[in-house]
Protein backbone atom coordinates (compact mmCIF):
# COMPACT_ATOMS: atom_id res chain seq x y z
CA UNK A 1 95.98 144.94 152.33
CA UNK A 2 94.56 144.08 148.91
CA UNK A 3 91.52 145.81 147.46
CA UNK A 4 89.50 142.65 148.03
CA UNK A 5 90.52 142.40 151.69
CA UNK A 6 89.83 146.09 152.18
CA UNK A 7 86.12 145.66 151.36
CA UNK A 8 85.57 142.08 152.54
CA UNK A 9 84.65 143.10 156.09
CA UNK A 10 82.36 145.98 155.16
CA UNK A 11 78.79 145.81 156.39
CA UNK A 12 75.56 147.67 156.03
CA UNK A 13 75.20 150.54 153.60
CA UNK A 14 78.91 150.56 152.66
CA UNK A 15 78.71 146.90 151.65
CA UNK A 16 75.57 147.56 149.57
CA UNK A 17 77.20 150.52 147.83
CA UNK A 18 80.30 148.44 147.07
CA UNK A 19 78.19 145.54 145.78
CA UNK A 20 76.25 147.86 143.48
CA UNK A 21 79.54 149.19 142.11
CA UNK A 22 80.84 145.68 141.46
CA UNK A 23 77.60 144.77 139.72
CA UNK A 24 77.78 147.90 137.57
CA UNK A 25 81.38 147.02 136.66
CA UNK A 26 80.35 143.46 135.80
CA UNK A 27 77.53 144.60 133.54
CA UNK A 28 79.85 147.10 131.84
CA UNK A 29 82.53 144.44 131.31
CA UNK A 30 79.99 142.00 129.88
CA UNK A 31 78.67 144.69 127.55
CA UNK A 32 82.19 145.66 126.41
CA UNK A 33 83.68 142.19 125.99
CA UNK A 34 80.78 139.80 125.26
CA UNK A 35 78.99 140.03 121.92
CA UNK A 36 76.47 137.38 122.96
CA UNK A 37 75.52 139.45 126.02
CA UNK A 38 75.02 142.55 123.87
CA UNK A 39 72.82 140.57 121.47
CA UNK A 40 70.75 139.17 124.33
CA UNK A 41 70.36 142.63 125.87
CA UNK A 42 68.98 143.82 122.52
CA UNK A 43 66.62 140.83 122.51
CA UNK A 44 65.57 141.73 126.06
CA UNK A 45 65.03 145.38 125.11
CA UNK A 46 62.51 144.22 122.51
CA UNK A 47 60.88 141.33 124.35
CA UNK A 48 60.51 142.69 127.88
CA UNK A 49 58.14 145.52 126.86
CA UNK A 50 56.37 143.05 124.57
CA UNK A 51 55.98 140.59 127.44
CA UNK A 52 54.57 143.30 129.68
CA UNK A 53 52.10 144.24 126.96
CA UNK A 54 51.09 140.72 125.88
CA UNK A 55 50.94 139.07 129.29
CA UNK A 56 47.47 138.85 130.75
CA UNK A 57 47.89 139.33 134.46
CA UNK A 58 50.84 139.44 136.75
CA UNK A 59 51.80 135.78 136.52
CA UNK A 60 51.99 135.75 132.73
CA UNK A 61 53.94 139.01 132.68
CA UNK A 62 56.34 137.66 135.29
CA UNK A 63 56.87 134.45 133.30
CA UNK A 64 57.47 136.28 130.03
CA UNK A 65 59.81 138.89 131.49
CA UNK A 66 61.48 136.53 133.96
CA UNK A 67 62.35 134.00 131.28
CA UNK A 68 64.17 136.71 129.32
CA UNK A 69 65.97 138.04 132.39
CA UNK A 70 67.04 134.48 133.18
CA UNK A 71 68.76 134.29 129.77
CA UNK A 72 70.80 137.37 130.71
CA UNK A 73 71.70 135.94 134.12
CA UNK A 74 72.89 132.63 132.66
CA UNK A 75 74.84 134.47 129.94
CA UNK A 76 76.61 136.51 132.63
CA UNK A 77 77.50 133.33 134.53
CA UNK A 78 78.70 131.68 131.32
CA UNK A 79 80.86 134.71 130.54
CA UNK A 80 82.33 134.59 134.04
CA UNK A 81 83.22 130.90 133.62
CA UNK A 82 84.83 131.64 130.26
CA UNK A 83 86.84 134.53 131.71
CA UNK A 84 88.15 132.40 134.57
CA UNK A 85 89.06 129.53 132.23
CA UNK A 86 90.87 131.93 129.91
CA UNK A 87 92.66 133.53 132.87
CA UNK A 88 93.93 130.20 134.15
CA UNK A 89 95.49 129.14 130.85
CA UNK A 90 95.33 129.93 127.17
CA UNK A 91 96.45 126.47 126.11
CA UNK A 92 93.92 123.88 125.00
CA UNK A 93 92.80 121.53 127.75
CA UNK A 94 89.89 119.09 127.74
CA UNK A 95 88.59 120.37 131.10
CA UNK A 96 88.68 123.98 129.87
CA UNK A 97 86.71 123.00 126.80
CA UNK A 98 84.27 121.05 128.94
CA UNK A 99 83.69 124.02 131.26
CA UNK A 100 83.08 126.37 128.35
CA UNK A 101 80.84 123.89 126.55
CA UNK A 102 78.76 123.30 129.67
CA UNK A 103 78.32 127.05 130.15
CA UNK A 104 77.26 127.37 126.53
CA UNK A 105 74.79 124.51 126.97
CA UNK A 106 73.30 126.30 129.98
CA UNK A 107 72.68 129.38 127.84
CA UNK A 108 71.12 127.25 125.10
CA UNK A 109 68.77 125.53 127.55
CA UNK A 110 67.78 128.88 129.03
CA UNK A 111 66.99 130.23 125.56
CA UNK A 112 64.91 127.10 124.90
CA UNK A 113 63.13 127.61 128.22
CA UNK A 114 62.34 131.22 127.33
CA UNK A 115 60.99 130.16 123.93
CA UNK A 116 58.85 127.45 125.57
CA UNK A 117 57.49 129.87 128.18
CA UNK A 118 56.59 132.41 125.50
CA UNK A 119 54.92 129.74 123.36
CA UNK A 120 52.99 128.21 126.25
CA UNK A 121 51.82 131.55 127.56
CA UNK A 122 50.99 133.24 124.25
CA UNK A 123 49.83 130.50 121.90
CA UNK A 124 46.66 129.61 123.87
CA UNK A 125 45.59 133.26 123.61
CA UNK A 126 45.75 133.20 119.84
CA UNK A 127 43.74 130.00 119.33
């Protein structure tokens, strides 16, 4: 029985504990192998406290912090796509390039969304 099959049927607390371990391993792998993720974590470390401080009310704070967390989520998904593409083959293929480019575009759009949210939430307060 493979390691995956061994835990596939787990339920309840054991499943939750396993899932937390997999998530921890994923975050550690992203931190170790993905420079973009490390840079975005540093951005989040600066902007999340700032968003909590600058946001006026729960909705604004949620928008400011959530937009930054969304960047991290999309970067993790992009990194997963890149890892799978690289695992499948190291030779150049148009579909591999397309998959990686689309993942990169998703990160770019999420960064643009975060910038727009921050501007829309904070600029009216400074006028």
